[in-house]
């Protein structure tokens, strides 16, 4: 783990997506954070020690999904399945498929495996899976503020974790999408899907893969916007904890009361023509019961400095 001294920074952004607004000052105390996302090897050690079964490996309870087709109530997870032609970017079902028996061991469904992928981030982990691992490891999941502070690497106000240019000197700084999403993956960074952790440079704090590769769970409930900036320096919030659980539900699905947490960091599917969320300020809502082939996590420990 890497020790990061606390401090005050500008959280969020006024320049990009609505949910990142407004930029506002926040203070966080110091903490240790995992140098990389939790890998398949790390997660395997947890499962072998505890016999843990992930959410994607359990058949859904029909009462939690009113109106669902009985044939769909099987264990599985969402897998990115690219089309071979341009599609309507407003319809995510054009590239996501719910694959029965897809899980952390079989990231692309039956017939796939993680053999040779020990140093890749674990994926297909729902929120409770990440939380269970963290508890076993004697750690916690970071708040959104802690995660963003760590991702910025000391560059307060910079657009990216490494400065203000996406590809400084034509150098790829993170595992993101090159080409027209979702049908043209040029993979000029060398990876079509996840990459081994530490494949790209660390940020100023020495932390790897905070941007791209996989989205990462945080402990905070989703809110559609940030709070307003404090009117005075004396009133800057310290160690804020996001929104309320009741306010995190998806208003587009009122019949399904599943709360949502904040994801941070973007993934290998973030592309300039679709999802410019390969930035520390970017954020995304994810239902706690949902696992996908591009969501992972890392842990944190709040403790006195070394």
C-alpha atoms as a PDB file:
ATOM      1  CA  UNK A   1       0.000   0.000   0.000  1.00  0.00           C
ATOM      2  CA  UNK A   2       1.009   3.618  -0.558  1.00  0.00           C
ATOM      3  CA  UNK A   3       0.750   6.260   2.165  1.00  0.00           C
ATOM      4  CA  UNK A   4      -0.908   9.455   0.920  1.00  0.00           C
ATOM      5  CA  UNK A   5      -0.734  12.534   3.107  1.00  0.00           C
ATOM      6  CA  UNK A   6      -4.109  14.215   3.408  1.00  0.00           C
ATOM      7  CA  UNK A   7      -4.929  17.707   2.238  1.00  0.00           C
ATOM      8  CA  UNK A   8      -7.453  20.022   0.619  1.00  0.00           C
ATOM      9  CA  UNK A   9      -8.245  19.843  -3.103  1.00  0.00           C
ATOM     10  CA  UNK A  10     -10.815  20.809  -5.705  1.00  0.00           C
ATOM     11  CA  UNK A  11     -13.142  17.842  -6.163  1.00  0.00           C
ATOM     12  CA  UNK A  12     -15.277  17.452  -9.295  1.00  0.00           C
ATOM     13  CA  UNK A  13     -15.255  19.496 -12.490  1.00  0.00           C
ATOM     14  CA  UNK A  14     -17.324  22.244 -14.104  1.00  0.00           C
ATOM     15  CA  UNK A  15     -16.020  21.415 -17.587  1.00  0.00           C
ATOM     16  CA  UNK A  16     -17.421  17.973 -18.356  1.00  0.00           C
ATOM     17  CA  UNK A  17     -20.470  15.912 -17.358  1.00  0.00           C
ATOM     18  CA  UNK A  18     -23.285  17.379 -15.279  1.00  0.00           C
ATOM     19  CA  UNK A  19     -22.897  14.906 -12.419  1.00  0.00           C
ATOM     20  CA  UNK A  20     -19.328  16.124 -11.823  1.00  0.00           C
ATOM     21  CA  UNK A  21     -20.528  19.616 -10.958  1.00  0.00           C
ATOM     22  CA  UNK A  22     -19.913  21.806  -9.123  1.00  0.00           C
ATOM     23  CA  UNK A  23     -16.184  21.725  -8.479  1.00  0.00           C
ATOM     24  CA  UNK A  24     -15.765  22.330  -4.768  1.00  0.00           C
ATOM     25  CA  UNK A  25     -13.105  22.267  -2.070  1.00  0.00           C
ATOM     26  CA  UNK A  26     -12.811  19.163   0.107  1.00  0.00           C
ATOM     27  CA  UNK A  27     -10.351  18.069   2.794  1.00  0.00           C
ATOM     28  CA  UNK A  28      -9.360  14.461   3.459  1.00  0.00           C
ATOM     29  CA  UNK A  29      -7.146  12.966   6.139  1.00  0.00           C
ATOM     30  CA  UNK A  30      -4.159  10.829   5.214  1.00  0.00           C
ATOM     31  CA  UNK A  31      -4.598   7.151   4.325  1.00  0.00           C
ATOM     32  CA  UNK A  32      -2.931   4.082   2.862  1.00  0.00           C
ATOM     33  CA  UNK A  33      -4.277   2.918  -0.502  1.00  0.00           C
ATOM     34  CA  UNK A  34      -3.586  -0.188  -2.569  1.00  0.00           C
ATOM     35  CA  UNK A  35      -0.865   0.448  -5.116  1.00  0.00           C
ATOM     36  CA  UNK A  36      -2.959  -1.340  -7.761  1.00  0.00           C
ATOM     37  CA  UNK A  37      -6.504  -2.628  -8.201  1.00  0.00           C
ATOM     38  CA  UNK A  38      -7.189  -5.976  -6.547  1.00  0.00           C
ATOM     39  CA  UNK A  39      -5.989  -8.643  -8.983  1.00  0.00           C
ATOM     40  CA  UNK A  40      -7.297 -12.095  -9.850  1.00  0.00           C
ATOM     41  CA  UNK A  41      -4.483 -13.591  -7.762  1.00  0.00           C
ATOM     42  CA  UNK A  42      -5.441 -11.462  -4.748  1.00  0.00           C
ATOM     43  CA  UNK A  43      -9.115 -12.344  -5.085  1.00  0.00           C
ATOM     44  CA  UNK A  44      -8.404 -16.052  -5.541  1.00  0.00           C
ATOM     45  CA  UNK A  45      -6.500 -16.064  -2.235  1.00  0.00           C
ATOM     46  CA  UNK A  46      -9.564 -14.532  -0.544  1.00  0.00           C
ATOM     47  CA  UNK A  47     -11.963 -17.075  -2.072  1.00  0.00           C
ATOM     48  CA  UNK A  48      -9.727 -20.009  -1.206  1.00  0.00           C
ATOM     49  CA  UNK A  49      -9.398 -18.806   2.394  1.00  0.00           C
ATOM     50  CA  UNK A  50     -13.101 -18.166   2.938  1.00  0.00           C
ATOM     51  CA  UNK A  51     -15.050 -20.243   0.370  1.00  0.00           C
ATOM     52  CA  UNK A  52     -16.715 -16.996  -0.626  1.00  0.00           C
ATOM     53  CA  UNK A  53     -19.283 -17.083  -3.444  1.00  0.00           C
ATOM     54  CA  UNK A  54     -19.690 -13.904  -5.491  1.00  0.00           C
ATOM     55  CA  UNK A  55     -22.994 -12.292  -6.384  1.00  0.00           C
ATOM     56  CA  UNK A  56     -22.595 -13.292 -10.055  1.00  0.00           C
ATOM     57  CA  UNK A  57     -22.405 -16.950  -9.022  1.00  0.00           C
ATOM     58  CA  UNK A  58     -25.770 -16.934  -7.219  1.00  0.00           C
ATOM     59  CA  UNK A  59     -29.180 -17.307  -8.876  1.00  0.00           C
ATOM     60  CA  UNK A  60     -31.131 -14.018  -8.529  1.00  0.00           C
ATOM     61  CA  UNK A  61     -34.123 -13.943  -6.170  1.00  0.00           C
ATOM     62  CA  UNK A  62     -37.294 -13.331  -8.255  1.00  0.00           C
ATOM     63  CA  UNK A  63     -38.773 -11.007  -5.624  1.00  0.00           C
ATOM     64  CA  UNK A  64     -35.890  -8.568  -6.152  1.00  0.00           C
ATOM     65  CA  UNK A  65     -36.622  -8.278  -9.883  1.00  0.00           C
ATOM     66  CA  UNK A  66     -40.379  -7.915 -10.414  1.00  0.00           C
ATOM     67  CA  UNK A  67     -41.387  -8.485 -14.010  1.00  0.00           C
ATOM     68  CA  UNK A  68     -38.167 -10.293 -14.965  1.00  0.00           C
ATOM     69  CA  UNK A  69     -38.513 -13.179 -17.382  1.00  0.00           C
ATOM     70  CA  UNK A  70     -38.072 -16.477 -15.490  1.00  0.00           C
ATOM     71  CA  UNK A  71     -35.547 -17.672 -18.055  1.00  0.00           C
ATOM     72  CA  UNK A  72     -33.289 -14.720 -17.237  1.00  0.00           C
ATOM     73  CA  UNK A  73     -33.145 -15.399 -13.503  1.00  0.00           C
ATOM     74  CA  UNK A  74     -29.916 -17.351 -13.646  1.00  0.00           C
ATOM     75  CA  UNK A  75     -26.453 -16.726 -12.250  1.00  0.00           C
ATOM     76  CA  UNK A  76     -24.341 -14.576 -14.534  1.00  0.00           C
ATOM     77  CA  UNK A  77     -22.951 -11.140 -15.243  1.00  0.00           C
ATOM     78  CA  UNK A  78     -22.716  -8.423 -17.888  1.00  0.00           C
ATOM     79  CA  UNK A  79     -20.036  -8.951 -20.529  1.00  0.00           C
ATOM     80  CA  UNK A  80     -18.887  -6.394 -23.095  1.00  0.00           C
ATOM     81  CA  UNK A  81     -19.736  -7.870 -26.501  1.00  0.00           C
ATOM     82  CA  UNK A  82     -18.720  -5.472 -29.282  1.00  0.00           C
ATOM     83  CA  UNK A  83     -20.795  -5.214 -32.462  1.00  0.00           C
ATOM     84  CA  UNK A  84     -19.054  -5.169 -35.853  1.00  0.00           C
ATOM     85  CA  UNK A  85     -20.766  -1.989 -37.050  1.00  0.00           C
ATOM     86  CA  UNK A  86     -21.764   1.484 -35.793  1.00  0.00           C
ATOM     87  CA  UNK A  87     -24.731   1.504 -33.399  1.00  0.00           C
ATOM     88  CA  UNK A  88     -26.878   4.009 -31.531  1.00  0.00           C
ATOM     89  CA  UNK A  89     -24.655   5.167 -28.643  1.00  0.00           C
ATOM     90  CA  UNK A  90     -27.754   5.904 -26.561  1.00  0.00           C
ATOM     91  CA  UNK A  91     -28.544   2.181 -26.360  1.00  0.00           C
ATOM     92  CA  UNK A  92     -26.025   0.339 -24.172  1.00  0.00           C
ATOM     93  CA  UNK A  93     -27.725  -2.974 -24.899  1.00  0.00           C
ATOM     94  CA  UNK A  94     -26.005  -2.850 -28.297  1.00  0.00           C
ATOM     95  CA  UNK A  95     -22.714  -3.849 -26.654  1.00  0.00           C
ATOM     96  CA  UNK A  96     -23.584  -5.355 -23.266  1.00  0.00           C
ATOM     97  CA  UNK A  97     -24.878  -8.929 -22.919  1.00  0.00           C
ATOM     98  CA  UNK A  98     -25.941 -10.736 -19.759  1.00  0.00           C
ATOM     99  CA  UNK A  99     -24.012 -13.987 -19.982  1.00  0.00           C
ATOM    100  CA  UNK A 100     -25.137 -16.918 -17.872  1.00  0.00           C
ATOM    101  CA  UNK A 101     -22.279 -18.318 -15.767  1.00  0.00           C
ATOM    102  CA  UNK A 102     -20.002 -15.346 -16.456  1.00  0.00           C
ATOM    103  CA  UNK A 103     -18.142 -14.518 -13.248  1.00  0.00           C
ATOM    104  CA  UNK A 104     -14.704 -13.581 -11.956  1.00  0.00           C
ATOM    105  CA  UNK A 105     -13.318 -17.005 -12.895  1.00  0.00           C
ATOM    106  CA  UNK A 106     -14.921 -16.922 -16.364  1.00  0.00           C
ATOM    107  CA  UNK A 107     -14.790 -13.245 -17.341  1.00  0.00           C
ATOM    108  CA  UNK A 108     -16.249 -13.728 -20.835  1.00  0.00           C
ATOM    109  CA  UNK A 109     -18.658 -16.545 -19.978  1.00  0.00           C
ATOM    110  CA  UNK A 110     -18.468 -20.347 -20.305  1.00  0.00           C
ATOM    111  CA  UNK A 111     -15.304 -21.480 -22.036  1.00  0.00           C
ATOM    112  CA  UNK A 112     -13.239 -18.520 -20.826  1.00  0.00           C
ATOM    113  CA  UNK A 113     -10.879 -18.499 -17.850  1.00  0.00           C
ATOM    114  CA  UNK A 114      -8.373 -16.346 -15.987  1.00  0.00           C
ATOM    115  CA  UNK A 115      -5.447 -18.657 -16.678  1.00  0.00           C
ATOM    116  CA  UNK A 116      -2.514 -16.360 -17.396  1.00  0.00           C
ATOM    117  CA  UNK A 117      -4.405 -13.342 -16.012  1.00  0.00           C
ATOM    118  CA  UNK A 118      -3.260 -13.439 -12.380  1.00  0.00           C
ATOM    119  CA  UNK A 119      -1.948  -9.866 -12.595  1.00  0.00           C
ATOM    120  CA  UNK A 120      -5.070  -8.452 -14.263  1.00  0.00           C
ATOM    121  CA  UNK A 121      -7.706  -6.681 -12.150  1.00  0.00           C
ATOM    122  CA  UNK A 122     -10.461  -8.968 -10.902  1.00  0.00           C
ATOM    123  CA  UNK A 123     -13.795  -8.166 -12.589  1.00  0.00           C
ATOM    124  CA  UNK A 124     -17.430  -9.272 -12.238  1.00  0.00           C
ATOM    125  CA  UNK A 125     -17.433  -8.191  -8.592  1.00  0.00           C
ATOM    126  CA  UNK A 126     -20.597  -6.621  -7.199  1.00  0.00           C
ATOM    127  CA  UNK A 127     -20.350  -4.104  -4.366  1.00  0.00           C
ATOM    128  CA  UNK A 128     -20.871  -6.681  -1.625  1.00  0.00           C
ATOM    129  CA  UNK A 129     -18.050  -8.793  -3.098  1.00  0.00           C
ATOM    130  CA  UNK A 130     -15.627  -5.877  -2.941  1.00  0.00           C
ATOM    131  CA  UNK A 131     -16.764  -5.058   0.582  1.00  0.00           C
ATOM    132  CA  UNK A 132     -16.320  -8.678   1.714  1.00  0.00           C
ATOM    133  CA  UNK A 133     -12.785  -8.807   0.320  1.00  0.00           C
ATOM    134  CA  UNK A 134     -11.880  -5.528   2.011  1.00  0.00           C
ATOM    135  CA  UNK A 135     -13.138  -6.773   5.384  1.00  0.00           C
ATOM    136  CA  UNK A 136     -11.169 -10.017   5.010  1.00  0.00           C
ATOM    137  CA  UNK A 137      -8.025  -8.040   4.155  1.00  0.00           C
ATOM    138  CA  UNK A 138      -8.462  -5.749   7.176  1.00  0.00           C
ATOM    139  CA  UNK A 139      -9.147  -2.780   4.928  1.00  0.00           C
ATOM    140  CA  UNK A 140     -12.043  -0.672   3.640  1.00  0.00           C
ATOM    141  CA  UNK A 141     -13.289   0.703   0.353  1.00  0.00           C
ATOM    142  CA  UNK A 142     -12.354   4.358  -0.248  1.00  0.00           C
ATOM    143  CA  UNK A 143     -14.850   7.169  -0.216  1.00  0.00           C
ATOM    144  CA  UNK A 144     -15.281   9.051  -3.470  1.00  0.00           C
ATOM    145  CA  UNK A 145     -13.318  11.998  -2.061  1.00  0.00           C
ATOM    146  CA  UNK A 146     -10.428   9.791  -0.908  1.00  0.00           C
ATOM    147  CA  UNK A 147     -10.362   7.974  -4.241  1.00  0.00           C
ATOM    148  CA  UNK A 148     -10.319  11.195  -6.274  1.00  0.00           C
ATOM    149  CA  UNK A 149      -7.643  12.764  -4.069  1.00  0.00           C
ATOM    150  CA  UNK A 150      -5.444   9.693  -4.596  1.00  0.00           C
ATOM    151  CA  UNK A 151      -6.124   9.634  -8.345  1.00  0.00           C
ATOM    152  CA  UNK A 152      -5.056  13.249  -8.833  1.00  0.00           C
ATOM    153  CA  UNK A 153      -1.552  12.416  -7.670  1.00  0.00           C
ATOM    154  CA  UNK A 154      -0.992  15.904  -6.282  1.00  0.00           C
ATOM    155  CA  UNK A 155      -2.022  17.685  -9.514  1.00  0.00           C
ATOM    156  CA  UNK A 156      -4.925  19.641  -8.084  1.00  0.00           C
ATOM    157  CA  UNK A 157      -7.147  20.974 -10.853  1.00  0.00           C
ATOM    158  CA  UNK A 158      -5.476  19.042 -13.692  1.00  0.00           C
ATOM    159  CA  UNK A 159      -7.827  17.383 -16.171  1.00  0.00           C
ATOM    160  CA  UNK A 160      -6.053  14.033 -16.089  1.00  0.00           C
ATOM    161  CA  UNK A 161      -4.128  12.147 -13.411  1.00  0.00           C
ATOM    162  CA  UNK A 162      -0.881  13.018 -15.239  1.00  0.00           C
ATOM    163  CA  UNK A 163      -1.574  16.588 -16.416  1.00  0.00           C
ATOM    164  CA  UNK A 164      -3.759  18.404 -18.921  1.00  0.00           C
ATOM    165  CA  UNK A 165      -3.112  16.365 -22.094  1.00  0.00           C
ATOM    166  CA  UNK A 166      -4.653  12.955 -22.718  1.00  0.00           C
ATOM    167  CA  UNK A 167      -1.616  11.572 -24.554  1.00  0.00           C
ATOM    168  CA  UNK A 168       1.385  13.763 -23.740  1.00  0.00           C
ATOM    169  CA  UNK A 169       4.066  13.305 -26.382  1.00  0.00           C
ATOM    170  CA  UNK A 170       1.789  10.716 -28.076  1.00  0.00           C
ATOM    171  CA  UNK A 171       2.322   8.428 -25.069  1.00  0.00           C
ATOM    172  CA  UNK A 172      -0.601   6.301 -23.877  1.00  0.00           C
ATOM    173  CA  UNK A 173      -0.927   6.891 -20.138  1.00  0.00           C
ATOM    174  CA  UNK A 174      -3.759   4.483 -19.313  1.00  0.00           C
ATOM    175  CA  UNK A 175      -5.697   1.538 -20.715  1.00  0.00           C
ATOM    176  CA  UNK A 176      -8.546   3.259 -22.557  1.00  0.00           C
ATOM    177  CA  UNK A 177     -10.298   2.791 -25.907  1.00  0.00           C
ATOM    178  CA  UNK A 178      -8.671   3.890 -29.171  1.00  0.00           C
ATOM    179  CA  UNK A 179     -10.924   3.991 -32.229  1.00  0.00           C
ATOM    180  CA  UNK A 180     -14.662   4.458 -32.668  1.00  0.00           C
ATOM    181  CA  UNK A 181     -16.526   2.901 -29.763  1.00  0.00           C
ATOM    182  CA  UNK A 182     -17.955   0.250 -29.609  1.00  0.00           C
ATOM    183  CA  UNK A 183     -17.175  -1.432 -32.927  1.00  0.00           C
ATOM    184  CA  UNK A 184     -13.610  -0.318 -33.760  1.00  0.00           C
ATOM    185  CA  UNK A 185     -10.974  -1.227 -31.192  1.00  0.00           C
ATOM    186  CA  UNK A 186      -7.580  -0.238 -32.570  1.00  0.00           C
ATOM    187  CA  UNK A 187      -5.843  -1.338 -29.350  1.00  0.00           C
ATOM    188  CA  UNK A 188      -2.893   0.958 -30.021  1.00  0.00           C
ATOM    189  CA  UNK A 189      -2.127   0.795 -26.291  1.00  0.00           C
ATOM    190  CA  UNK A 190      -1.545  -2.948 -26.702  1.00  0.00           C
ATOM    191  CA  UNK A 191      -4.672  -4.207 -24.960  1.00  0.00           C
ATOM    192  CA  UNK A 192      -8.155  -5.052 -26.231  1.00  0.00           C
ATOM    193  CA  UNK A 193      -9.608  -5.598 -22.770  1.00  0.00           C
ATOM    194  CA  UNK A 194      -8.037  -5.454 -19.299  1.00  0.00           C
ATOM    195  CA  UNK A 195      -4.293  -5.092 -18.918  1.00  0.00           C
ATOM    196  CA  UNK A 196      -1.865  -6.311 -16.242  1.00  0.00           C
ATOM    197  CA  UNK A 197      -1.644  -3.846 -13.381  1.00  0.00           C
ATOM    198  CA  UNK A 198       1.390  -1.553 -13.599  1.00  0.00           C
ATOM    199  CA  UNK A 199       1.330  -1.658 -17.419  1.00  0.00           C
ATOM    200  CA  UNK A 200       1.146   2.146 -17.485  1.00  0.00           C
ATOM    201  CA  UNK A 201       3.011   4.816 -15.496  1.00  0.00           C
ATOM    202  CA  UNK A 202       1.982   5.523 -11.892  1.00  0.00           C
ATOM    203  CA  UNK A 203       0.665   8.924 -10.920  1.00  0.00           C
ATOM    204  CA  UNK A 204       2.501  11.423  -8.750  1.00  0.00           C
ATOM    205  CA  UNK A 205       1.727   9.452  -5.594  1.00  0.00           C
ATOM    206  CA  UNK A 206       3.110   6.223  -7.035  1.00  0.00           C
ATOM    207  CA  UNK A 207      -0.334   4.645  -7.468  1.00  0.00           C
ATOM    208  CA  UNK A 208      -1.097   2.608 -10.609  1.00  0.00           C
ATOM    209  CA  UNK A 209      -4.197   2.224 -12.779  1.00  0.00           C
ATOM    210  CA  UNK A 210      -6.326   4.848 -11.074  1.00  0.00           C
ATOM    211  CA  UNK A 211      -7.457   5.798 -14.562  1.00  0.00           C
ATOM    212  CA  UNK A 212      -8.656   3.297 -17.168  1.00  0.00           C
ATOM    213  CA  UNK A 213      -8.358  -0.497 -17.109  1.00  0.00           C
ATOM    214  CA  UNK A 214     -11.375  -1.031 -14.806  1.00  0.00           C
ATOM    215  CA  UNK A 215     -13.877   1.186 -13.033  1.00  0.00           C
ATOM    216  CA  UNK A 216     -13.502   0.994  -9.254  1.00  0.00           C
ATOM    217  CA  UNK A 217     -16.128   0.802  -6.515  1.00  0.00           C
ATOM    218  CA  UNK A 218     -16.208   3.460  -3.803  1.00  0.00           C
ATOM    219  CA  UNK A 219     -18.093   3.374  -0.507  1.00  0.00           C
ATOM    220  CA  UNK A 220     -20.291   6.394  -1.284  1.00  0.00           C
ATOM    221  CA  UNK A 221     -23.940   6.324  -2.307  1.00  0.00           C
ATOM    222  CA  UNK A 222     -24.605   7.928  -5.655  1.00  0.00           C
ATOM    223  CA  UNK A 223     -25.836  11.515  -5.892  1.00  0.00           C
ATOM    224  CA  UNK A 224     -26.705  13.265  -9.141  1.00  0.00           C
ATOM    225  CA  UNK A 225     -24.477  16.245  -8.355  1.00  0.00           C
ATOM    226  CA  UNK A 226     -21.902  17.437  -5.863  1.00  0.00           C
ATOM    227  CA  UNK A 227     -22.765  19.832  -3.027  1.00  0.00           C
ATOM    228  CA  UNK A 228     -22.102  23.520  -3.539  1.00  0.00           C
ATOM    229  CA  UNK A 229     -18.736  24.973  -2.641  1.00  0.00           C
ATOM    230  CA  UNK A 230     -18.301  26.118   0.967  1.00  0.00           C
ATOM    231  CA  UNK A 231     -18.714  29.899   1.270  1.00  0.00           C
ATOM    232  CA  UNK A 232     -15.653  30.207   3.515  1.00  0.00           C
ATOM    233  CA  UNK A 233     -12.396  28.319   3.999  1.00  0.00           C
ATOM    234  CA  UNK A 234     -13.403  27.489   7.553  1.00  0.00           C
ATOM    235  CA  UNK A 235     -16.414  25.544   6.276  1.00  0.00           C
ATOM    236  CA  UNK A 236     -14.719  23.208   3.782  1.00  0.00           C
ATOM    237  CA  UNK A 237     -16.070  19.674   4.425  1.00  0.00           C
ATOM    238  CA  UNK A 238     -13.642  17.182   5.945  1.00  0.00           C
ATOM    239  CA  UNK A 239     -13.833  13.529   4.893  1.00  0.00           C
ATOM    240  CA  UNK A 240     -17.262  13.855   3.208  1.00  0.00           C
ATOM    241  CA  UNK A 241     -19.376  10.746   2.651  1.00  0.00           C
ATOM    242  CA  UNK A 242     -21.478  11.358  -0.459  1.00  0.00           C
ATOM    243  CA  UNK A 243     -25.256  11.257  -0.701  1.00  0.00           C
ATOM    244  CA  UNK A 244     -28.047   9.354   1.024  1.00  0.00           C
ATOM    245  CA  UNK A 245     -28.920   5.739   0.219  1.00  0.00           C
ATOM    246  CA  UNK A 246     -32.569   6.586  -0.419  1.00  0.00           C
ATOM    247  CA  UNK A 247     -31.592   9.216  -2.991  1.00  0.00           C
ATOM    248  CA  UNK A 248     -29.362   6.812  -4.926  1.00  0.00           C
ATOM    249  CA  UNK A 249     -32.145   4.775  -6.563  1.00  0.00           C
ATOM    250  CA  UNK A 250     -32.500   5.022 -10.341  1.00  0.00           C
ATOM    251  CA  UNK A 251     -35.532   7.258 -11.098  1.00  0.00           C
ATOM    252  CA  UNK A 252     -35.853   5.556 -14.501  1.00  0.00           C
ATOM    253  CA  UNK A 253     -36.641   2.251 -12.775  1.00  0.00           C
ATOM    254  CA  UNK A 254     -38.953   3.124  -9.865  1.00  0.00           C
ATOM    255  CA  UNK A 255     -40.186  -0.477  -9.615  1.00  0.00           C
ATOM    256  CA  UNK A 256     -36.685  -1.711  -8.723  1.00  0.00           C
ATOM    257  CA  UNK A 257     -35.440  -0.251  -5.439  1.00  0.00           C
ATOM    258  CA  UNK A 258     -31.773  -1.174  -5.719  1.00  0.00           C
ATOM    259  CA  UNK A 259     -29.400   1.505  -4.365  1.00  0.00           C
ATOM    260  CA  UNK A 260     -26.389   2.657  -6.348  1.00  0.00           C
ATOM    261  CA  UNK A 261     -22.784   3.395  -5.396  1.00  0.00           C
ATOM    262  CA  UNK A 262     -20.234   5.678  -7.069  1.00  0.00           C
ATOM    263  CA  UNK A 263     -17.722   4.188  -9.491  1.00  0.00           C
ATOM    264  CA  UNK A 264     -14.539   6.100 -10.332  1.00  0.00           C
ATOM    265  CA  UNK A 265     -11.692   6.049 -12.834  1.00  0.00           C
ATOM    266  CA  UNK A 266     -13.188   4.928 -16.130  1.00  0.00           C
ATOM    267  CA  UNK A 267     -12.133   1.724 -17.870  1.00  0.00           C
ATOM    268  CA  UNK A 268     -10.644   0.242 -21.025  1.00  0.00           C
ATOM    269  CA  UNK A 269     -14.004   1.013 -22.679  1.00  0.00           C
ATOM    270  CA  UNK A 270     -13.802   4.793 -22.193  1.00  0.00           C
ATOM    271  CA  UNK A 271     -13.447   6.494 -25.596  1.00  0.00           C
ATOM    272  CA  UNK A 272     -13.370  10.112 -26.816  1.00  0.00           C
ATOM    273  CA  UNK A 273     -16.472   9.533 -28.979  1.00  0.00           C
ATOM    274  CA  UNK A 274     -18.545   8.014 -26.177  1.00  0.00           C
ATOM    275  CA  UNK A 275     -17.299   8.114 -22.574  1.00  0.00           C
ATOM    276  CA  UNK A 276     -14.712  10.738 -21.655  1.00  0.00           C
ATOM    277  CA  UNK A 277     -14.558   9.466 -18.106  1.00  0.00           C
ATOM    278  CA  UNK A 278     -10.843   8.647 -18.008  1.00  0.00           C
ATOM    279  CA  UNK A 279     -10.365  11.523 -15.535  1.00  0.00           C
ATOM    280  CA  UNK A 280     -10.159  11.773 -11.714  1.00  0.00           C
ATOM    281  CA  UNK A 281     -13.291  13.961 -11.541  1.00  0.00           C
ATOM    282  CA  UNK A 282     -15.430  11.546 -13.566  1.00  0.00           C
ATOM    283  CA  UNK A 283     -18.006   9.419 -11.771  1.00  0.00           C
ATOM    284  CA  UNK A 284     -20.644   6.853 -12.626  1.00  0.00           C
ATOM    285  CA  UNK A 285     -23.615   5.274 -10.829  1.00  0.00           C
ATOM    286  CA  UNK A 286     -23.639   1.491 -10.430  1.00  0.00           C
ATOM    287  CA  UNK A 287     -26.373  -0.606  -8.747  1.00  0.00           C
ATOM    288  CA  UNK A 288     -24.924  -2.591  -5.857  1.00  0.00           C
ATOM    289  CA  UNK A 289     -26.188  -5.859  -7.361  1.00  0.00           C
ATOM    290  CA  UNK A 290     -24.484  -5.315 -10.725  1.00  0.00           C
ATOM    291  CA  UNK A 291     -21.214  -6.836 -11.857  1.00  0.00           C
ATOM    292  CA  UNK A 292     -19.585  -6.403 -15.245  1.00  0.00           C
ATOM    293  CA  UNK A 293     -16.458  -7.280 -17.194  1.00  0.00           C
ATOM    294  CA  UNK A 294     -15.001  -3.787 -16.664  1.00  0.00           C
ATOM    295  CA  UNK A 295     -15.591  -3.067 -12.952  1.00  0.00           C
ATOM    296  CA  UNK A 296     -13.136  -3.873 -10.173  1.00  0.00           C
ATOM    297  CA  UNK A 297     -11.920  -2.183  -6.982  1.00  0.00           C
ATOM    298  CA  UNK A 298      -9.023  -1.354  -4.682  1.00  0.00           C
ATOM    299  CA  UNK A 299      -8.866  -0.936  -0.925  1.00  0.00           C
ATOM    300  CA  UNK A 300      -7.764   1.621   1.608  1.00  0.00           C
ATOM    301  CA  UNK A 301      -6.649   1.648   5.219  1.00  0.00           C
ATOM    302  CA  UNK A 302      -7.153   4.621   7.493  1.00  0.00           C
ATOM    303  CA  UNK A 303      -4.290   4.617   9.963  1.00  0.00           C
ATOM    304  CA  UNK A 304      -1.628   6.909  11.442  1.00  0.00           C
ATOM    305  CA  UNK A 305       1.189   7.704   9.026  1.00  0.00           C
ATOM    306  CA  UNK A 306       4.252   5.450   9.062  1.00  0.00           C
END
